[in-house]
Amino acid sequence: MSHRRPGTEGNPLRRGADRTRARLRFTFVMACLLAVICGVAAGRSAWTDGGRAAAAIERHRHSVMAVTVGETTYLAGPEPSARPVPVAPATWRDTLHRVHKETVPVPATTRNGETIRLWVDDQGNASTAPPGTALIALNAISLGAGTSAVIALAAGAVIYARLRIVDARSAQAWESEWERVEPRWSGRLRPGQGSGDE
């Protein structure tokens, strides 16, 4: 009795299409791994760049105390679906003690004469707060996840299309082989074959 070592001979029931499917599945797994690596790299890059940009912005933004000099009103948002923004006229002094007066965004409950904290630029004009850590992290996560998703979806679409082609060819091959085998297996006569023919 001969002893065969495992893996020295292929499975006779395993067809070329089966091997192709296995390779395509392995390729998809590798593509998903690559998508994760690229997503992490993109996220790290966005985190680093976002931190640098925030630091640069922060060098030119200053926090001052302003006093509202009018009632709070609502300003329409930049888009029709956006919520109205509460604003009020306010006055403040910049770092050079110059007086400024502008209508600025305020909390909705702000009343006339209240003191609010306001971010201004180097010229003392009202500005926005520098991006915080949470916003930078959210942008980095979004970019990383988006990069991973795009790569994985693109690879999945290509693999799916290739599997469909392999399945179609496999089905044609099975049908062709069955046409040759089925008459002998079932005992049904082929066209042009007599009962005494072998």
C-alpha atoms as a PDB file:
ATOM      1  CA  MET A   1       0.000   0.000   0.000  1.00  0.00           C
ATOM      2  CA  SER A   2       1.506   3.277  -1.061  1.00  0.00           C
ATOM      3  CA  HIS A   3       1.409   6.224   1.296  1.00  0.00           C
ATOM      4  CA  ARG A   4       0.821   9.606  -0.280  1.00  0.00           C
ATOM      5  CA  ARG A   5       2.067  12.664   1.430  1.00  0.00           C
ATOM      6  CA  PRO A   6      -0.612  15.309   1.840  1.00  0.00           C
ATOM      7  CA  GLY A   7      -0.479  18.009  -0.780  1.00  0.00           C
ATOM      8  CA  THR A   8       1.718  16.098  -3.247  1.00  0.00           C
ATOM      9  CA  GLU A   9      -1.203  15.622  -5.650  1.00  0.00           C
ATOM     10  CA  GLY A  10      -4.129  17.902  -6.342  1.00  0.00           C
ATOM     11  CA  ASN A  11      -7.710  16.959  -5.680  1.00  0.00           C
ATOM     12  CA  PRO A  12      -9.028  15.394  -8.931  1.00  0.00           C
ATOM     13  CA  LEU A  13     -12.455  16.936  -8.253  1.00  0.00           C
ATOM     14  CA  ARG A  14     -10.973  20.420  -7.979  1.00  0.00           C
ATOM     15  CA  ARG A  15     -11.324  22.201 -11.299  1.00  0.00           C
ATOM     16  CA  GLY A  16      -9.490  25.163 -12.727  1.00  0.00           C
ATOM     17  CA  ALA A  17     -12.501  27.361 -11.962  1.00  0.00           C
ATOM     18  CA  ASP A  18     -12.319  26.312  -8.299  1.00  0.00           C
ATOM     19  CA  ARG A  19      -8.663  27.312  -8.137  1.00  0.00           C
ATOM     20  CA  THR A  20      -9.469  30.627  -9.832  1.00  0.00           C
ATOM     21  CA  ARG A  21     -12.233  31.318  -7.307  1.00  0.00           C
ATOM     22  CA  ALA A  22      -9.856  30.548  -4.424  1.00  0.00           C
ATOM     23  CA  ARG A  23      -7.240  32.919  -5.893  1.00  0.00           C
ATOM     24  CA  LEU A  24      -9.846  35.663  -6.368  1.00  0.00           C
ATOM     25  CA  ARG A  25     -11.040  35.309  -2.771  1.00  0.00           C
ATOM     26  CA  PHE A  26      -7.474  35.463  -1.524  1.00  0.00           C
ATOM     27  CA  THR A  27      -6.899  38.542  -3.694  1.00  0.00           C
ATOM     28  CA  PHE A  28      -9.962  40.198  -2.148  1.00  0.00           C
ATOM     29  CA  VAL A  29      -8.711  39.479   1.373  1.00  0.00           C
ATOM     30  CA  MET A  30      -5.334  40.999   0.454  1.00  0.00           C
ATOM     31  CA  ALA A  31      -7.077  44.012  -1.098  1.00  0.00           C
ATOM     32  CA  CYS A  32      -9.063  44.527   2.126  1.00  0.00           C
ATOM     33  CA  LEU A  33      -5.836  44.350   4.128  1.00  0.00           C
ATOM     34  CA  LEU A  34      -4.276  46.896   1.764  1.00  0.00           C
ATOM     35  CA  ALA A  35      -7.387  49.087   2.150  1.00  0.00           C
ATOM     36  CA  VAL A  36      -6.979  49.074   5.933  1.00  0.00           C
ATOM     37  CA  ILE A  37      -3.273  49.939   5.666  1.00  0.00           C
ATOM     38  CA  CYS A  38      -3.973  52.777   3.213  1.00  0.00           C
ATOM     39  CA  GLY A  39      -6.824  54.029   5.396  1.00  0.00           C
ATOM     40  CA  VAL A  40      -4.599  54.131   8.475  1.00  0.00           C
ATOM     41  CA  ALA A  41      -1.867  55.927   6.502  1.00  0.00           C
ATOM     42  CA  ALA A  42      -4.358  58.477   5.140  1.00  0.00           C
ATOM     43  CA  GLY A  43      -5.843  59.016   8.603  1.00  0.00           C
ATOM     44  CA  ARG A  44      -2.426  59.518  10.203  1.00  0.00           C
ATOM     45  CA  SER A  45      -1.443  61.964   7.469  1.00  0.00           C
ATOM     46  CA  ALA A  46      -4.705  63.905   7.907  1.00  0.00           C
ATOM     47  CA  TRP A  47      -4.172  63.969  11.692  1.00  0.00           C
ATOM     48  CA  THR A  48      -0.622  65.316  11.320  1.00  0.00           C
ATOM     49  CA  ASP A  49      -1.549  67.872   8.650  1.00  0.00           C
ATOM     50  CA  GLY A  50      -4.660  68.936  10.559  1.00  0.00           C
ATOM     51  CA  GLY A  51      -2.642  69.437  13.738  1.00  0.00           C
ATOM     52  CA  ARG A  52      -0.078  71.577  11.919  1.00  0.00           C
ATOM     53  CA  ALA A  53      -2.794  73.644  10.216  1.00  0.00           C
ATOM     54  CA  ALA A  54      -4.622  74.149  13.529  1.00  0.00           C
ATOM     55  CA  ALA A  55      -1.395  75.248  15.213  1.00  0.00           C
ATOM     56  CA  ALA A  56      -0.732  77.743  12.406  1.00  0.00           C
ATOM     57  CA  ILE A  57      -4.276  79.126  12.669  1.00  0.00           C
ATOM     58  CA  GLU A  58      -4.060  79.317  16.452  1.00  0.00           C
ATOM     59  CA  ARG A  59      -0.998  81.568  16.220  1.00  0.00           C
ATOM     60  CA  HIS A  60      -3.171  84.164  14.462  1.00  0.00           C
ATOM     61  CA  ARG A  61      -6.340  83.856  16.560  1.00  0.00           C
ATOM     62  CA  HIS A  62      -6.905  85.452  19.926  1.00  0.00           C
ATOM     63  CA  SER A  63      -9.662  85.148  22.480  1.00  0.00           C
ATOM     64  CA  VAL A  64     -11.159  88.430  23.755  1.00  0.00           C
ATOM     65  CA  MET A  65     -14.141  89.377  25.876  1.00  0.00           C
ATOM     66  CA  ALA A  66     -16.907  91.233  24.005  1.00  0.00           C
ATOM     67  CA  VAL A  67     -20.078  92.912  25.272  1.00  0.00           C
ATOM     68  CA  THR A  68     -23.342  92.693  23.357  1.00  0.00           C
ATOM     69  CA  VAL A  69     -24.906  96.066  22.572  1.00  0.00           C
ATOM     70  CA  GLY A  70     -28.200  94.882  21.115  1.00  0.00           C
ATOM     71  CA  GLU A  71     -30.785  92.119  21.188  1.00  0.00           C
ATOM     72  CA  THR A  72     -30.173  88.675  19.776  1.00  0.00           C
ATOM     73  CA  THR A  73     -31.672  88.031  16.349  1.00  0.00           C
ATOM     74  CA  TYR A  74     -31.464  85.087  13.950  1.00  0.00           C
ATOM     75  CA  LEU A  75     -29.560  84.991  10.692  1.00  0.00           C
ATOM     76  CA  ALA A  76     -30.519  82.509   7.978  1.00  0.00           C
ATOM     77  CA  GLY A  77     -28.028  79.697   7.529  1.00  0.00           C
ATOM     78  CA  PRO A  78     -25.835  79.353   4.429  1.00  0.00           C
ATOM     79  CA  GLU A  79     -28.197  76.695   3.012  1.00  0.00           C
ATOM     80  CA  PRO A  80     -32.011  76.582   2.932  1.00  0.00           C
ATOM     81  CA  SER A  81     -32.035  73.496   5.174  1.00  0.00           C
ATOM     82  CA  ALA A  82     -29.546  74.966   7.685  1.00  0.00           C
ATOM     83  CA  ARG A  83     -30.770  76.153  11.088  1.00  0.00           C
ATOM     84  CA  PRO A  84     -30.848  79.919  11.694  1.00  0.00           C
ATOM     85  CA  VAL A  85     -27.796  81.259  13.530  1.00  0.00           C
ATOM     86  CA  PRO A  86     -28.338  83.498  16.606  1.00  0.00           C
ATOM     87  CA  VAL A  87     -26.374  86.747  16.255  1.00  0.00           C
ATOM     88  CA  ALA A  88     -26.087  90.021  18.155  1.00  0.00           C
ATOM     89  CA  PRO A  89     -24.155  93.288  17.762  1.00  0.00           C
ATOM     90  CA  ALA A  90     -21.165  93.355  20.080  1.00  0.00           C
ATOM     91  CA  THR A  91     -18.204  95.555  20.860  1.00  0.00           C
ATOM     92  CA  TRP A  92     -14.687  94.653  22.045  1.00  0.00           C
ATOM     93  CA  ARG A  93     -11.097  95.819  22.157  1.00  0.00           C
ATOM     94  CA  ASP A  94      -8.345  93.967  20.322  1.00  0.00           C
ATOM     95  CA  THR A  95      -4.821  93.348  21.630  1.00  0.00           C
ATOM     96  CA  LEU A  96      -3.818  96.889  20.560  1.00  0.00           C
ATOM     97  CA  HIS A  97      -6.829  98.316  22.469  1.00  0.00           C
ATOM     98  CA  ARG A  98      -8.658  99.371  19.306  1.00  0.00           C
ATOM     99  CA  VAL A  99     -12.460  99.274  19.591  1.00  0.00           C
ATOM    100  CA  HIS A 100     -14.382  97.020  17.206  1.00  0.00           C
ATOM    101  CA  LYS A 101     -18.101  96.616  16.682  1.00  0.00           C
ATOM    102  CA  GLU A 102     -19.664  93.810  14.619  1.00  0.00           C
ATOM    103  CA  THR A 103     -22.635  91.502  14.559  1.00  0.00           C
ATOM    104  CA  VAL A 104     -21.288  88.146  15.717  1.00  0.00           C
ATOM    105  CA  PRO A 105     -22.690  84.681  16.436  1.00  0.00           C
ATOM    106  CA  VAL A 106     -23.763  84.294  20.077  1.00  0.00           C
ATOM    107  CA  PRO A 107     -25.497  81.660  22.216  1.00  0.00           C
ATOM    108  CA  ALA A 108     -29.267  81.738  21.678  1.00  0.00           C
ATOM    109  CA  THR A 109     -29.963  82.894  25.256  1.00  0.00           C
ATOM    110  CA  THR A 110     -27.605  85.909  25.090  1.00  0.00           C
ATOM    111  CA  ARG A 111     -29.166  89.207  26.255  1.00  0.00           C
ATOM    112  CA  ASN A 112     -28.209  92.821  25.651  1.00  0.00           C
ATOM    113  CA  GLY A 113     -25.221  93.851  27.792  1.00  0.00           C
ATOM    114  CA  GLU A 114     -23.913  90.318  28.366  1.00  0.00           C
ATOM    115  CA  THR A 115     -20.225  89.503  28.153  1.00  0.00           C
ATOM    116  CA  ILE A 116     -19.244  86.764  25.703  1.00  0.00           C
ATOM    117  CA  ARG A 117     -15.948  85.185  24.697  1.00  0.00           C
ATOM    118  CA  LEU A 118     -15.020  85.916  21.083  1.00  0.00           C
ATOM    119  CA  TRP A 119     -12.221  84.773  18.780  1.00  0.00           C
ATOM    120  CA  VAL A 120     -10.559  87.491  16.678  1.00  0.00           C
ATOM    121  CA  ASP A 121      -7.787  87.531  14.075  1.00  0.00           C
ATOM    122  CA  ASP A 122      -4.546  89.542  14.143  1.00  0.00           C
ATOM    123  CA  GLN A 123      -6.439  92.660  12.981  1.00  0.00           C
ATOM    124  CA  GLY A 124      -8.953  92.291  15.791  1.00  0.00           C
ATOM    125  CA  ASN A 125     -11.846  91.313  13.493  1.00  0.00           C
ATOM    126  CA  ALA A 126     -14.297  88.615  14.585  1.00  0.00           C
ATOM    127  CA  SER A 127     -13.225  85.171  13.453  1.00  0.00           C
ATOM    128  CA  THR A 128     -13.787  81.511  14.229  1.00  0.00           C
ATOM    129  CA  ALA A 129     -12.087  79.410  16.870  1.00  0.00           C
ATOM    130  CA  PRO A 130      -9.081  77.374  15.726  1.00  0.00           C
ATOM    131  CA  PRO A 131      -9.953  73.749  14.946  1.00  0.00           C
ATOM    132  CA  GLY A 132     -10.045  71.623  18.088  1.00  0.00           C
ATOM    133  CA  THR A 133      -8.657  68.143  18.630  1.00  0.00           C
ATOM    134  CA  ALA A 134     -12.097  66.564  18.216  1.00  0.00           C
ATOM    135  CA  LEU A 135     -12.604  68.133  14.783  1.00  0.00           C
ATOM    136  CA  ILE A 136      -9.113  67.161  13.636  1.00  0.00           C
ATOM    137  CA  ALA A 137      -9.695  63.576  14.833  1.00  0.00           C
ATOM    138  CA  LEU A 138     -13.091  63.424  13.125  1.00  0.00           C
ATOM    139  CA  ASN A 139     -11.583  64.603   9.824  1.00  0.00           C
ATOM    140  CA  ALA A 140      -8.739  62.086  10.112  1.00  0.00           C
ATOM    141  CA  ILE A 141     -11.112  59.211  10.893  1.00  0.00           C
ATOM    142  CA  SER A 142     -13.448  60.218   8.058  1.00  0.00           C
ATOM    143  CA  LEU A 143     -10.616  60.383   5.534  1.00  0.00           C
ATOM    144  CA  GLY A 144      -9.121  57.090   6.709  1.00  0.00           C
ATOM    145  CA  ALA A 145     -12.461  55.284   6.651  1.00  0.00           C
ATOM    146  CA  GLY A 146     -13.337  56.789   3.282  1.00  0.00           C
ATOM    147  CA  THR A 147     -10.017  55.716   1.772  1.00  0.00           C
ATOM    148  CA  SER A 148     -10.427  52.165   3.084  1.00  0.00           C
ATOM    149  CA  ALA A 149     -14.008  51.961   1.848  1.00  0.00           C
ATOM    150  CA  VAL A 150     -13.154  53.193  -1.664  1.00  0.00           C
ATOM    151  CA  ILE A 151     -10.301  50.700  -2.076  1.00  0.00           C
ATOM    152  CA  ALA A 152     -12.313  47.787  -0.652  1.00  0.00           C
ATOM    153  CA  LEU A 153     -15.385  48.593  -2.761  1.00  0.00           C
ATOM    154  CA  ALA A 154     -13.330  48.983  -5.935  1.00  0.00           C
ATOM    155  CA  ALA A 155     -11.546  45.680  -5.297  1.00  0.00           C
ATOM    156  CA  GLY A 156     -14.859  44.000  -4.459  1.00  0.00           C
ATOM    157  CA  ALA A 157     -16.447  45.233  -7.694  1.00  0.00           C
ATOM    158  CA  VAL A 158     -13.537  43.929  -9.796  1.00  0.00           C
ATOM    159  CA  ILE A 159     -13.461  40.565  -7.974  1.00  0.00           C
ATOM    160  CA  TYR A 160     -17.254  40.214  -8.257  1.00  0.00           C
ATOM    161  CA  ALA A 161     -17.156  40.883 -12.008  1.00  0.00           C
ATOM    162  CA  ARG A 162     -14.330  38.369 -12.432  1.00  0.00           C
ATOM    163  CA  LEU A 163     -16.207  35.741 -10.387  1.00  0.00           C
ATOM    164  CA  ARG A 164     -19.273  36.206 -12.579  1.00  0.00           C
ATOM    165  CA  ILE A 165     -17.148  35.498 -15.666  1.00  0.00           C
ATOM    166  CA  VAL A 166     -15.590  32.420 -14.019  1.00  0.00           C
ATOM    167  CA  ASP A 167     -19.036  31.126 -12.982  1.00  0.00           C
ATOM    168  CA  ALA A 168     -20.413  31.604 -16.505  1.00  0.00           C
ATOM    169  CA  ARG A 169     -17.482  29.747 -18.073  1.00  0.00           C
ATOM    170  CA  SER A 170     -17.699  27.002 -15.461  1.00  0.00           C
ATOM    171  CA  ALA A 171     -21.409  26.512 -16.160  1.00  0.00           C
ATOM    172  CA  GLN A 172     -20.716  26.259 -19.901  1.00  0.00           C
ATOM    173  CA  ALA A 173     -17.956  23.706 -19.289  1.00  0.00           C
ATOM    174  CA  TRP A 174     -20.218  21.629 -17.027  1.00  0.00           C
ATOM    175  CA  GLU A 175     -22.990  21.633 -19.643  1.00  0.00           C
ATOM    176  CA  SER A 176     -20.580  20.620 -22.398  1.00  0.00           C
ATOM    177  CA  GLU A 177     -19.168  17.763 -20.305  1.00  0.00           C
ATOM    178  CA  TRP A 178     -22.638  16.645 -19.254  1.00  0.00           C
ATOM    179  CA  GLU A 179     -23.707  16.374 -22.904  1.00  0.00           C
ATOM    180  CA  ARG A 180     -20.863  13.911 -23.467  1.00  0.00           C
ATOM    181  CA  VAL A 181     -21.420  11.886 -20.272  1.00  0.00           C
ATOM    182  CA  GLU A 182     -25.205  11.895 -19.802  1.00  0.00           C
ATOM    183  CA  PRO A 183     -26.160   9.505 -22.695  1.00  0.00           C
ATOM    184  CA  ARG A 184     -23.855   6.750 -21.371  1.00  0.00           C
ATOM    185  CA  TRP A 185     -24.784   7.387 -17.755  1.00  0.00           C
ATOM    186  CA  SER A 186     -28.532   7.336 -18.414  1.00  0.00           C
ATOM    187  CA  GLY A 187     -28.548   4.763 -21.220  1.00  0.00           C
ATOM    188  CA  ARG A 188     -30.332   7.242 -23.505  1.00  0.00           C
ATOM    189  CA  LEU A 189     -29.452   6.876 -27.202  1.00  0.00           C
ATOM    190  CA  ARG A 190     -27.655   9.713 -28.857  1.00  0.00           C
ATOM    191  CA  PRO A 191     -28.962  10.986 -32.213  1.00  0.00           C
ATOM    192  CA  GLY A 192     -27.769   8.644 -35.002  1.00  0.00           C
ATOM    193  CA  GLN A 193     -26.903   5.808 -32.586  1.00  0.00           C
ATOM    194  CA  GLY A 194     -28.515   2.386 -32.978  1.00  0.00           C
ATOM    195  CA  SER A 195     -29.483   0.058 -30.161  1.00  0.00           C
ATOM    196  CA  GLY A 196     -26.585  -2.290 -30.976  1.00  0.00           C
ATOM    197  CA  ASP A 197     -23.989   0.477 -31.192  1.00  0.00           C
ATOM    198  CA  GLU A 198     -21.364   0.742 -28.542  1.00  0.00           C
END
